[in-house]
Amino acid sequence: MGADHSHHHHHAPAPASGYGRAFALGVALNTAFVAVEATVGIVSGSMALIADAGHNLSDVLGLVIAWGASVLAARPPSERFTYGFKSSSILAALANAALLLAATGAILVETLRRLADPQPVAGATMIAVAAAGIVVNGATALLFMRGRKHDLNIRGAFLHMAADTAVSAGVVIAGVLVLLTGRLWIDPLTGLLIVAAIAWSTWGLLRDSVKMALLGVPAGIDEGKVRAFLAARPGVSAVHDLHIWPMSTTETALTAHLVIPSGHPGDGFLHALAHDLEHEFGIGHATVQIEREAQADSCEDCA
C-alpha cells in the first residue's frame, strides 16, 4: 500500500519561553502569602483563612508542576521519546486536578469539624489578610490571562488564581459579618463554601485533562467537521482511519487515510491540506495517507 505523508507544525504559544517569568513570580508571591495566611489563620483561629491557605498551597504546588511540565515540553525529541516530552503538560494538568481534589478533601474534614464546634475568630484579622489575598491572587491571575485560551495548564493557573481572588473576597465578607453579628458559625460556613468553589473549578480541569490523557479529540475541534473538510477535498472519494489527538496541551496531531481513485494528487495538494488544517482547526501535525479505491478495501488498520 502506497503512503504519502504531509507533516506541518502549528505554532502555538510556548509556555516555557513565554511564561517562565510569570510562573516564577506567581510561585514566589503565593508562597509568601501562604506562609502569612496560614500563620495568621492558626493564631486567630480562623478556619476560613486556614482553608484558603490550604487551597493556595495546592495552587503553589500546581504552579510548580505546570512550570516544570512546560519546560519539559520544550525539550527536543530523542531516540526513545520521539515526540519529546510534550505530553508532560497533559500529565501536569491531571496531577494538578488530583492535587486540588486531595486538598479539598482535607479542608472539608476540618471545616465540618469546626462547623460542629465553632471557635472564636478575629474578624478584623480575617478581613486584612483576605484583602491582601485579593491583591496577590488577582495579580497572579493577570500574569496568565493572555495565554488562557491556548494552553490547558495556563488556563488552569488563570482560573485557579481568579477563583482564589473571588474566595478571598468571600473571606472578607465573612469577616465583616462576624464582626457585625458575632455569630461564629459564619467562619466555618464560609470555609465550606470555599471547598464547594474549589471542587467546582477543579471538575473542569479534571474533565479536560482526563480527556487529553485518553487522547480524546481536543476541545474546540469538531471531528465531524474535520472529516467533512477532508472529504470535500478535490478528488477525495472517502475518508477513513481518521484520528485526532492532543500531543500536548497546546499541540494537536491528526492521521487519516484519503481515498483518491486517480492516485497521488501531488505534493502541492498535501502542503495545502496541512496549511488549511492548521489555520481552520489548529491541527499542526497532520499525517495523511493517500489510497486508491482498491487499496482502501484491503486496509487492515481500518477494521
C-alpha atoms as a PDB file:
ATOM      1  CA  MET A   1       0.000   0.000   0.000  1.00  0.00           C
ATOM      2  CA  GLY A   2       1.494   3.315  -1.010  1.00  0.00           C
ATOM      3  CA  ALA A   3       1.640   6.067   1.594  1.00  0.00           C
ATOM      4  CA  ASP A   4       2.063   9.784   1.074  1.00  0.00           C
ATOM      5  CA  HIS A   5       2.547  11.929   4.144  1.00  0.00           C
ATOM      6  CA  SER A   6       2.185  15.584   4.971  1.00  0.00           C
ATOM      7  CA  HIS A   7       3.581  16.921   8.247  1.00  0.00           C
ATOM      8  CA  HIS A   8       3.173  20.535   9.301  1.00  0.00           C
ATOM      9  CA  HIS A   9       3.657  22.406  12.564  1.00  0.00           C
ATOM     10  CA  HIS A  10       1.129  24.623  14.325  1.00  0.00           C
ATOM     11  CA  HIS A  11       2.954  27.452  16.093  1.00  0.00           C
ATOM     12  CA  ALA A  12       1.128  27.768  19.410  1.00  0.00           C
ATOM     13  CA  PRO A  13       2.469  29.897  22.261  1.00  0.00           C
ATOM     14  CA  ALA A  14       5.346  28.211  24.073  1.00  0.00           C
ATOM     15  CA  PRO A  15       4.661  28.140  27.818  1.00  0.00           C
ATOM     16  CA  ALA A  16       8.303  27.511  28.767  1.00  0.00           C
ATOM     17  CA  SER A  17       9.623  30.576  26.976  1.00  0.00           C
ATOM     18  CA  GLY A  18       6.561  32.804  27.275  1.00  0.00           C
ATOM     19  CA  TYR A  19       5.532  32.114  30.871  1.00  0.00           C
ATOM     20  CA  GLY A  20       8.696  31.175  32.763  1.00  0.00           C
ATOM     21  CA  ARG A  21       8.847  34.582  34.430  1.00  0.00           C
ATOM     22  CA  ALA A  22       5.098  34.520  35.141  1.00  0.00           C
ATOM     23  CA  PHE A  23       5.421  31.095  36.821  1.00  0.00           C
ATOM     24  CA  ALA A  24       8.413  32.237  38.895  1.00  0.00           C
ATOM     25  CA  LEU A  25       6.687  35.414  40.057  1.00  0.00           C
ATOM     26  CA  GLY A  26       3.410  33.597  40.726  1.00  0.00           C
ATOM     27  CA  VAL A  27       5.125  30.908  42.808  1.00  0.00           C
ATOM     28  CA  ALA A  28       7.110  33.479  44.813  1.00  0.00           C
ATOM     29  CA  LEU A  29       4.100  35.706  45.539  1.00  0.00           C
ATOM     30  CA  ASN A  30       1.808  32.877  46.535  1.00  0.00           C
ATOM     31  CA  THR A  31       4.384  31.018  48.638  1.00  0.00           C
ATOM     32  CA  ALA A  32       4.944  34.145  50.714  1.00  0.00           C
ATOM     33  CA  PHE A  33       1.215  34.739  51.028  1.00  0.00           C
ATOM     34  CA  VAL A  34       0.504  31.119  52.048  1.00  0.00           C
ATOM     35  CA  ALA A  35       3.043  31.383  54.867  1.00  0.00           C
ATOM     36  CA  VAL A  36       1.476  34.593  56.155  1.00  0.00           C
ATOM     37  CA  GLU A  37      -2.127  33.439  55.752  1.00  0.00           C
ATOM     38  CA  ALA A  38      -1.592  30.050  57.412  1.00  0.00           C
ATOM     39  CA  THR A  39       0.240  31.622  60.359  1.00  0.00           C
ATOM     40  CA  VAL A  40      -2.414  34.265  60.903  1.00  0.00           C
ATOM     41  CA  GLY A  41      -5.187  31.699  60.427  1.00  0.00           C
ATOM     42  CA  ILE A  42      -3.755  29.422  63.125  1.00  0.00           C
ATOM     43  CA  VAL A  43      -3.090  32.293  65.541  1.00  0.00           C
ATOM     44  CA  SER A  44      -6.513  33.889  65.014  1.00  0.00           C
ATOM     45  CA  GLY A  45      -8.365  30.554  64.871  1.00  0.00           C
ATOM     46  CA  SER A  46      -9.985  31.355  61.524  1.00  0.00           C
ATOM     47  CA  MET A  47     -10.971  28.212  59.602  1.00  0.00           C
ATOM     48  CA  ALA A  48     -11.751  30.332  56.546  1.00  0.00           C
ATOM     49  CA  LEU A  49      -8.169  31.612  56.466  1.00  0.00           C
ATOM     50  CA  ILE A  50      -6.722  28.135  57.054  1.00  0.00           C
ATOM     51  CA  ALA A  51      -8.924  26.694  54.306  1.00  0.00           C
ATOM     52  CA  ASP A  52      -7.872  29.418  51.901  1.00  0.00           C
ATOM     53  CA  ALA A  53      -4.197  28.924  52.814  1.00  0.00           C
ATOM     54  CA  GLY A  54      -4.522  25.193  52.106  1.00  0.00           C
ATOM     55  CA  HIS A  55      -6.034  25.931  48.730  1.00  0.00           C
ATOM     56  CA  ASN A  56      -3.326  28.485  47.933  1.00  0.00           C
ATOM     57  CA  LEU A  57      -0.644  25.938  48.898  1.00  0.00           C
ATOM     58  CA  SER A  58      -2.084  23.449  46.429  1.00  0.00           C
ATOM     59  CA  ASP A  59      -2.041  26.218  43.828  1.00  0.00           C
ATOM     60  CA  VAL A  60       1.652  26.866  44.511  1.00  0.00           C
ATOM     61  CA  LEU A  61       2.430  23.175  44.037  1.00  0.00           C
ATOM     62  CA  GLY A  62       0.245  23.162  40.939  1.00  0.00           C
ATOM     63  CA  LEU A  63       2.126  26.137  39.505  1.00  0.00           C
ATOM     64  CA  VAL A  64       5.431  24.362  40.139  1.00  0.00           C
ATOM     65  CA  ILE A  65       4.167  21.195  38.399  1.00  0.00           C
ATOM     66  CA  ALA A  66       2.824  23.150  35.427  1.00  0.00           C
ATOM     67  CA  TRP A  67       6.048  25.168  35.221  1.00  0.00           C
ATOM     68  CA  GLY A  68       8.171  22.019  35.202  1.00  0.00           C
ATOM     69  CA  ALA A  69       5.983  20.418  32.549  1.00  0.00           C
ATOM     70  CA  SER A  70       6.171  23.478  30.300  1.00  0.00           C
ATOM     71  CA  VAL A  71       9.968  23.332  30.488  1.00  0.00           C
ATOM     72  CA  LEU A  72       9.968  19.588  29.710  1.00  0.00           C
ATOM     73  CA  ALA A  73       7.546  20.098  26.808  1.00  0.00           C
ATOM     74  CA  ALA A  74      10.076  22.410  25.147  1.00  0.00           C
ATOM     75  CA  ARG A  75      12.824  19.774  25.144  1.00  0.00           C
ATOM     76  CA  PRO A  76      13.680  18.294  21.713  1.00  0.00           C
ATOM     77  CA  PRO A  77      12.727  14.719  20.720  1.00  0.00           C
ATOM     78  CA  SER A  78      15.155  11.854  21.340  1.00  0.00           C
ATOM     79  CA  GLU A  79      15.557   8.332  20.005  1.00  0.00           C
ATOM     80  CA  ARG A  80      13.481   6.962  22.883  1.00  0.00           C
ATOM     81  CA  PHE A  81      10.995   9.835  23.187  1.00  0.00           C
ATOM     82  CA  THR A  82      10.329  10.651  19.551  1.00  0.00           C
ATOM     83  CA  TYR A  83       7.651  13.207  20.439  1.00  0.00           C
ATOM     84  CA  GLY A  84       9.885  14.729  23.086  1.00  0.00           C
ATOM     85  CA  PHE A  85       8.163  15.392  26.409  1.00  0.00           C
ATOM     86  CA  LYS A  86       5.213  17.339  25.026  1.00  0.00           C
ATOM     87  CA  SER A  87       2.632  15.151  26.763  1.00  0.00           C
ATOM     88  CA  SER A  88       4.129  16.015  30.181  1.00  0.00           C
ATOM     89  CA  SER A  89       1.910  19.105  30.103  1.00  0.00           C
ATOM     90  CA  ILE A  90      -1.130  16.809  29.959  1.00  0.00           C
ATOM     91  CA  LEU A  91       0.183  14.768  32.909  1.00  0.00           C
ATOM     92  CA  ALA A  92       0.773  18.014  34.808  1.00  0.00           C
ATOM     93  CA  ALA A  93      -2.818  19.123  34.274  1.00  0.00           C
ATOM     94  CA  LEU A  94      -4.025  15.733  35.516  1.00  0.00           C
ATOM     95  CA  ALA A  95      -1.713  15.906  38.561  1.00  0.00           C
ATOM     96  CA  ASN A  96      -2.978  19.421  39.238  1.00  0.00           C
ATOM     97  CA  ALA A  97      -6.568  18.225  39.341  1.00  0.00           C
ATOM     98  CA  ALA A  98      -5.703  15.299  41.639  1.00  0.00           C
ATOM     99  CA  LEU A  99      -3.754  17.623  43.951  1.00  0.00           C
ATOM    100  CA  LEU A 100      -6.681  20.006  44.219  1.00  0.00           C
ATOM    101  CA  LEU A 101      -9.091  17.176  44.995  1.00  0.00           C
ATOM    102  CA  ALA A 102      -6.819  15.906  47.792  1.00  0.00           C
ATOM    103  CA  ALA A 103      -6.541  19.396  49.275  1.00  0.00           C
ATOM    104  CA  THR A 104     -10.300  19.837  49.034  1.00  0.00           C
ATOM    105  CA  GLY A 105     -10.927  16.617  50.971  1.00  0.00           C
ATOM    106  CA  ALA A 106      -8.557  17.606  53.777  1.00  0.00           C
ATOM    107  CA  ILE A 107     -10.060  21.080  54.082  1.00  0.00           C
ATOM    108  CA  LEU A 108     -13.603  19.678  54.039  1.00  0.00           C
ATOM    109  CA  VAL A 109     -12.935  17.382  57.006  1.00  0.00           C
ATOM    110  CA  GLU A 110     -11.545  20.195  59.141  1.00  0.00           C
ATOM    111  CA  THR A 111     -14.266  22.625  58.077  1.00  0.00           C
ATOM    112  CA  LEU A 112     -17.043  20.215  59.060  1.00  0.00           C
ATOM    113  CA  ARG A 113     -15.359  19.708  62.432  1.00  0.00           C
ATOM    114  CA  ARG A 114     -15.285  23.469  63.011  1.00  0.00           C
ATOM    115  CA  LEU A 115     -18.880  23.830  61.829  1.00  0.00           C
ATOM    116  CA  ALA A 116     -19.943  21.373  64.548  1.00  0.00           C
ATOM    117  CA  ASP A 117     -17.873  23.242  67.134  1.00  0.00           C
ATOM    118  CA  PRO A 118     -17.354  26.909  66.105  1.00  0.00           C
ATOM    119  CA  GLN A 119     -14.365  28.679  67.639  1.00  0.00           C
ATOM    120  CA  PRO A 120     -13.814  32.407  68.294  1.00  0.00           C
ATOM    121  CA  VAL A 121     -12.084  34.184  65.401  1.00  0.00           C
ATOM    122  CA  ALA A 122     -10.571  37.615  64.847  1.00  0.00           C
ATOM    123  CA  GLY A 123     -12.838  39.196  62.255  1.00  0.00           C
ATOM    124  CA  ALA A 124     -10.606  42.221  61.644  1.00  0.00           C
ATOM    125  CA  THR A 125      -7.609  39.948  61.038  1.00  0.00           C
ATOM    126  CA  MET A 126      -9.603  37.835  58.587  1.00  0.00           C
ATOM    127  CA  ILE A 127     -10.508  40.952  56.638  1.00  0.00           C
ATOM    128  CA  ALA A 128      -6.944  42.289  56.482  1.00  0.00           C
ATOM    129  CA  VAL A 129      -5.307  39.023  55.379  1.00  0.00           C
ATOM    130  CA  ALA A 130      -8.026  38.128  52.878  1.00  0.00           C
ATOM    131  CA  ALA A 131      -7.833  41.636  51.388  1.00  0.00           C
ATOM    132  CA  ALA A 132      -4.113  41.036  50.824  1.00  0.00           C
ATOM    133  CA  GLY A 133      -5.111  37.757  49.181  1.00  0.00           C
ATOM    134  CA  ILE A 134      -7.310  39.604  46.697  1.00  0.00           C
ATOM    135  CA  VAL A 135      -4.277  41.632  45.609  1.00  0.00           C
ATOM    136  CA  VAL A 136      -1.850  38.681  45.427  1.00  0.00           C
ATOM    137  CA  ASN A 137      -4.228  36.256  43.706  1.00  0.00           C
ATOM    138  CA  GLY A 138      -5.584  38.909  41.366  1.00  0.00           C
ATOM    139  CA  ALA A 139      -2.082  39.951  40.292  1.00  0.00           C
ATOM    140  CA  THR A 140      -1.101  36.312  39.693  1.00  0.00           C
ATOM    141  CA  ALA A 141      -4.240  35.670  37.635  1.00  0.00           C
ATOM    142  CA  LEU A 142      -3.367  38.629  35.392  1.00  0.00           C
ATOM    143  CA  LEU A 143       0.029  37.018  34.645  1.00  0.00           C
ATOM    144  CA  PHE A 144      -1.714  34.096  32.948  1.00  0.00           C
ATOM    145  CA  MET A 145      -4.672  35.889  31.371  1.00  0.00           C
ATOM    146  CA  ARG A 146      -3.067  36.236  27.926  1.00  0.00           C
ATOM    147  CA  GLY A 147      -2.441  32.520  27.371  1.00  0.00           C
ATOM    148  CA  ARG A 148      -5.553  31.022  28.947  1.00  0.00           C
ATOM    149  CA  LYS A 149      -7.173  30.253  25.560  1.00  0.00           C
ATOM    150  CA  HIS A 150      -4.215  28.316  24.161  1.00  0.00           C
ATOM    151  CA  ASP A 151      -2.939  26.038  26.942  1.00  0.00           C
ATOM    152  CA  LEU A 152      -4.801  23.909  29.492  1.00  0.00           C
ATOM    153  CA  ASN A 153      -2.053  24.463  32.079  1.00  0.00           C
ATOM    154  CA  ILE A 154      -2.112  28.223  31.618  1.00  0.00           C
ATOM    155  CA  ARG A 155      -5.920  28.209  31.690  1.00  0.00           C
ATOM    156  CA  GLY A 156      -5.840  26.135  34.873  1.00  0.00           C
ATOM    157  CA  ALA A 157      -3.431  28.571  36.516  1.00  0.00           C
ATOM    158  CA  PHE A 158      -5.559  31.539  35.483  1.00  0.00           C
ATOM    159  CA  LEU A 159      -8.862  30.005  36.599  1.00  0.00           C
ATOM    160  CA  HIS A 160      -7.495  28.910  39.972  1.00  0.00           C
ATOM    161  CA  MET A 161      -5.998  32.298  40.704  1.00  0.00           C
ATOM    162  CA  ALA A 162      -9.151  34.083  39.540  1.00  0.00           C
ATOM    163  CA  ALA A 163     -11.214  31.758  41.746  1.00  0.00           C
ATOM    164  CA  ASP A 164      -8.836  32.442  44.655  1.00  0.00           C
ATOM    165  CA  THR A 165      -9.441  36.147  44.204  1.00  0.00           C
ATOM    166  CA  ALA A 166     -13.180  35.561  44.497  1.00  0.00           C
ATOM    167  CA  VAL A 167     -12.658  33.260  47.500  1.00  0.00           C
ATOM    168  CA  SER A 168     -10.569  35.896  49.281  1.00  0.00           C
ATOM    169  CA  ALA A 169     -13.381  38.364  48.651  1.00  0.00           C
ATOM    170  CA  GLY A 170     -15.718  35.838  50.306  1.00  0.00           C
ATOM    171  CA  VAL A 171     -13.465  35.648  53.356  1.00  0.00           C
ATOM    172  CA  VAL A 172     -13.536  39.459  53.621  1.00  0.00           C
ATOM    173  CA  ILE A 173     -17.342  39.346  53.618  1.00  0.00           C
ATOM    174  CA  ALA A 174     -17.294  36.595  56.270  1.00  0.00           C
ATOM    175  CA  GLY A 175     -15.001  38.701  58.452  1.00  0.00           C
ATOM    176  CA  VAL A 176     -17.315  41.673  58.187  1.00  0.00           C
ATOM    177  CA  LEU A 177     -20.331  39.529  59.073  1.00  0.00           C
ATOM    178  CA  VAL A 178     -18.540  38.010  62.090  1.00  0.00           C
ATOM    179  CA  LEU A 179     -17.681  41.490  63.339  1.00  0.00           C
ATOM    180  CA  LEU A 180     -21.221  42.769  62.827  1.00  0.00           C
ATOM    181  CA  THR A 181     -23.179  39.777  64.159  1.00  0.00           C
ATOM    182  CA  GLY A 182     -20.759  37.922  66.418  1.00  0.00           C
ATOM    183  CA  ARG A 183     -22.037  34.621  65.011  1.00  0.00           C
ATOM    184  CA  LEU A 184     -19.080  32.229  64.996  1.00  0.00           C
ATOM    185  CA  TRP A 185     -20.630  29.680  62.603  1.00  0.00           C
ATOM    186  CA  ILE A 186     -20.265  32.162  59.738  1.00  0.00           C
ATOM    187  CA  ASP A 187     -16.499  31.432  59.551  1.00  0.00           C
ATOM    188  CA  PRO A 188     -16.657  27.630  59.075  1.00  0.00           C
ATOM    189  CA  LEU A 189     -19.678  28.061  56.790  1.00  0.00           C
ATOM    190  CA  THR A 190     -17.515  30.304  54.606  1.00  0.00           C
ATOM    191  CA  GLY A 191     -14.855  27.586  54.670  1.00  0.00           C
ATOM    192  CA  LEU A 192     -17.485  25.149  53.409  1.00  0.00           C
ATOM    193  CA  LEU A 193     -18.435  27.495  50.570  1.00  0.00           C
ATOM    194  CA  ILE A 194     -14.749  27.789  49.680  1.00  0.00           C
ATOM    195  CA  VAL A 195     -14.498  23.992  49.450  1.00  0.00           C
ATOM    196  CA  ALA A 196     -17.518  23.949  47.127  1.00  0.00           C
ATOM    197  CA  ALA A 197     -15.923  26.636  44.930  1.00  0.00           C
ATOM    198  CA  ILE A 198     -12.650  24.693  44.733  1.00  0.00           C
ATOM    199  CA  ALA A 199     -14.440  21.462  43.845  1.00  0.00           C
ATOM    200  CA  TRP A 200     -16.440  23.191  41.120  1.00  0.00           C
ATOM    201  CA  SER A 201     -13.385  24.779  39.489  1.00  0.00           C
ATOM    202  CA  THR A 202     -11.392  21.545  39.804  1.00  0.00           C
ATOM    203  CA  TRP A 203     -14.038  19.497  37.992  1.00  0.00           C
ATOM    204  CA  GLY A 204     -13.497  21.320  34.704  1.00  0.00           C
ATOM    205  CA  LEU A 205      -9.718  20.881  34.893  1.00  0.00           C
ATOM    206  CA  LEU A 206     -10.082  17.191  35.795  1.00  0.00           C
ATOM    207  CA  ARG A 207     -12.546  16.550  32.969  1.00  0.00           C
ATOM    208  CA  ASP A 208     -10.404  18.247  30.323  1.00  0.00           C
ATOM    209  CA  SER A 209      -7.123  16.682  31.482  1.00  0.00           C
ATOM    210  CA  VAL A 210      -8.618  13.170  31.576  1.00  0.00           C
ATOM    211  CA  LYS A 211      -9.948  13.629  28.041  1.00  0.00           C
ATOM    212  CA  MET A 212      -6.493  14.674  26.895  1.00  0.00           C
ATOM    213  CA  ALA A 213      -4.789  11.809  28.738  1.00  0.00           C
ATOM    214  CA  LEU A 214      -7.158   9.396  26.966  1.00  0.00           C
ATOM    215  CA  LEU A 215      -6.206  11.004  23.610  1.00  0.00           C
ATOM    216  CA  GLY A 216      -9.688  12.408  23.089  1.00  0.00           C
ATOM    217  CA  VAL A 217     -10.330  14.953  20.358  1.00  0.00           C
ATOM    218  CA  PRO A 218      -9.279  18.304  21.888  1.00  0.00           C
ATOM    219  CA  ALA A 219     -11.951  20.772  22.933  1.00  0.00           C
ATOM    220  CA  GLY A 220     -12.789  23.204  20.172  1.00  0.00           C
ATOM    221  CA  ILE A 221     -12.249  20.694  17.361  1.00  0.00           C
ATOM    222  CA  ASP A 222     -15.290  19.027  15.795  1.00  0.00           C
ATOM    223  CA  GLU A 223     -14.316  15.604  14.412  1.00  0.00           C
ATOM    224  CA  GLY A 224     -17.319  15.624  12.084  1.00  0.00           C
ATOM    225  CA  LYS A 225     -16.328  18.976  10.575  1.00  0.00           C
ATOM    226  CA  VAL A 226     -12.734  17.808  10.082  1.00  0.00           C
ATOM    227  CA  ARG A 227     -13.981  14.626   8.381  1.00  0.00           C
ATOM    228  CA  ALA A 228     -16.301  16.633   6.114  1.00  0.00           C
ATOM    229  CA  PHE A 229     -13.490  19.064   5.333  1.00  0.00           C
ATOM    230  CA  LEU A 230     -11.180  16.220   4.251  1.00  0.00           C
ATOM    231  CA  ALA A 231     -13.927  14.509   2.247  1.00  0.00           C
ATOM    232  CA  ALA A 232     -14.581  17.736   0.347  1.00  0.00           C
ATOM    233  CA  ARG A 233     -11.004  17.990  -0.973  1.00  0.00           C
ATOM    234  CA  PRO A 234     -10.768  17.689  -4.783  1.00  0.00           C
ATOM    235  CA  GLY A 235     -10.513  14.082  -5.908  1.00  0.00           C
ATOM    236  CA  VAL A 236     -11.255  12.554  -2.478  1.00  0.00           C
ATOM    237  CA  SER A 237     -13.978   9.897  -2.601  1.00  0.00           C
ATOM    238  CA  ALA A 238     -13.764   8.692   1.015  1.00  0.00           C
ATOM    239  CA  VAL A 239     -12.073   9.367   4.357  1.00  0.00           C
ATOM    240  CA  HIS A 240     -11.307   6.654   6.904  1.00  0.00           C
ATOM    241  CA  ASP A 241      -8.986   5.756   9.775  1.00  0.00           C
ATOM    242  CA  LEU A 242      -9.230   9.373  10.986  1.00  0.00           C
ATOM    243  CA  HIS A 243      -7.603  10.066  14.347  1.00  0.00           C
ATOM    244  CA  ILE A 244      -7.263  13.426  16.103  1.00  0.00           C
ATOM    245  CA  TRP A 245      -5.475  13.663  19.447  1.00  0.00           C
ATOM    246  CA  PRO A 246      -3.518  16.099  21.657  1.00  0.00           C
ATOM    247  CA  MET A 247       0.284  15.797  21.624  1.00  0.00           C
ATOM    248  CA  SER A 248       0.405  18.320  24.456  1.00  0.00           C
ATOM    249  CA  THR A 249      -1.879  20.951  25.959  1.00  0.00           C
ATOM    250  CA  THR A 250      -1.031  23.237  23.026  1.00  0.00           C
ATOM    251  CA  GLU A 251      -0.435  20.941  20.034  1.00  0.00           C
ATOM    252  CA  THR A 252      -2.799  18.657  18.120  1.00  0.00           C
ATOM    253  CA  ALA A 253      -1.999  15.808  15.731  1.00  0.00           C
ATOM    254  CA  LEU A 254      -4.034  14.090  13.009  1.00  0.00           C
ATOM    255  CA  THR A 255      -3.680  10.982  10.897  1.00  0.00           C
ATOM    256  CA  ALA A 256      -6.071   9.991   8.119  1.00  0.00           C
ATOM    257  CA  HIS A 257      -6.435   7.826   5.021  1.00  0.00           C
ATOM    258  CA  LEU A 258      -7.816   9.644   1.989  1.00  0.00           C
ATOM    259  CA  VAL A 259      -9.190   7.552  -0.863  1.00  0.00           C
ATOM    260  CA  ILE A 260      -8.328   9.237  -4.180  1.00  0.00           C
ATOM    261  CA  PRO A 261      -9.154   6.909  -7.130  1.00  0.00           C
ATOM    262  CA  SER A 262      -6.965   8.878  -9.540  1.00  0.00           C
ATOM    263  CA  GLY A 263      -3.926   8.307  -7.342  1.00  0.00           C
ATOM    264  CA  HIS A 264      -1.408  10.678  -5.764  1.00  0.00           C
ATOM    265  CA  PRO A 265      -2.623  14.300  -6.196  1.00  0.00           C
ATOM    266  CA  GLY A 266       0.849  15.815  -5.828  1.00  0.00           C
ATOM    267  CA  ASP A 267       2.878  17.479  -3.082  1.00  0.00           C
ATOM    268  CA  GLY A 268       1.029  20.760  -3.584  1.00  0.00           C
ATOM    269  CA  PHE A 269      -2.228  19.095  -2.500  1.00  0.00           C
ATOM    270  CA  LEU A 270      -0.611  17.790   0.699  1.00  0.00           C
ATOM    271  CA  HIS A 271       1.047  21.095   1.601  1.00  0.00           C
ATOM    272  CA  ALA A 272      -2.197  23.000   1.024  1.00  0.00           C
ATOM    273  CA  LEU A 273      -4.104  20.436   3.101  1.00  0.00           C
ATOM    274  CA  ALA A 274      -1.660  20.768   6.014  1.00  0.00           C
ATOM    275  CA  HIS A 275      -1.889  24.563   5.812  1.00  0.00           C
ATOM    276  CA  ASP A 276      -5.690  24.512   5.849  1.00  0.00           C
ATOM    277  CA  LEU A 277      -5.867  22.025   8.737  1.00  0.00           C
ATOM    278  CA  GLU A 278      -3.617  24.284  10.782  1.00  0.00           C
ATOM    279  CA  HIS A 279      -5.459  27.506  10.078  1.00  0.00           C
ATOM    280  CA  GLU A 280      -9.015  26.142  10.066  1.00  0.00           C
ATOM    281  CA  PHE A 281      -8.780  23.739  13.018  1.00  0.00           C
ATOM    282  CA  GLY A 282      -5.483  24.420  14.815  1.00  0.00           C
ATOM    283  CA  ILE A 283      -4.154  20.961  13.870  1.00  0.00           C
ATOM    284  CA  GLY A 284      -0.417  21.449  13.443  1.00  0.00           C
ATOM    285  CA  HIS A 285       0.828  17.878  12.956  1.00  0.00           C
ATOM    286  CA  ALA A 286      -1.001  16.180  10.082  1.00  0.00           C
ATOM    287  CA  THR A 287      -0.012  12.857   8.525  1.00  0.00           C
ATOM    288  CA  VAL A 288      -2.099  11.818   5.525  1.00  0.00           C
ATOM    289  CA  GLN A 289      -2.018   8.534   3.631  1.00  0.00           C
ATOM    290  CA  ILE A 290      -3.280   8.509   0.040  1.00  0.00           C
ATOM    291  CA  GLU A 291      -5.002   5.339  -1.213  1.00  0.00           C
ATOM    292  CA  ARG A 292      -6.754   4.153  -4.360  1.00  0.00           C
ATOM    293  CA  GLU A 293     -10.197   2.592  -4.011  1.00  0.00           C
ATOM    294  CA  ALA A 294      -8.910  -1.000  -4.165  1.00  0.00           C
ATOM    295  CA  GLN A 295      -6.263  -0.299  -1.549  1.00  0.00           C
ATOM    296  CA  ALA A 296      -8.834   1.143   0.854  1.00  0.00           C
ATOM    297  CA  ASP A 297     -10.889  -2.060   0.645  1.00  0.00           C
ATOM    298  CA  SER A 298      -7.908  -4.056   1.902  1.00  0.00           C
ATOM    299  CA  CYS A 299      -6.862  -1.653   4.643  1.00  0.00           C
ATOM    300  CA  GLU A 300      -6.268  -3.761   7.756  1.00  0.00           C
ATOM    301  CA  ASP A 301      -5.739  -0.766  10.027  1.00  0.00           C
ATOM    302  CA  CYS A 302      -9.261   0.498   9.448  1.00  0.00           C
ATOM    303  CA  ALA A 303     -11.120  -2.505  10.855  1.00  0.00           C
END
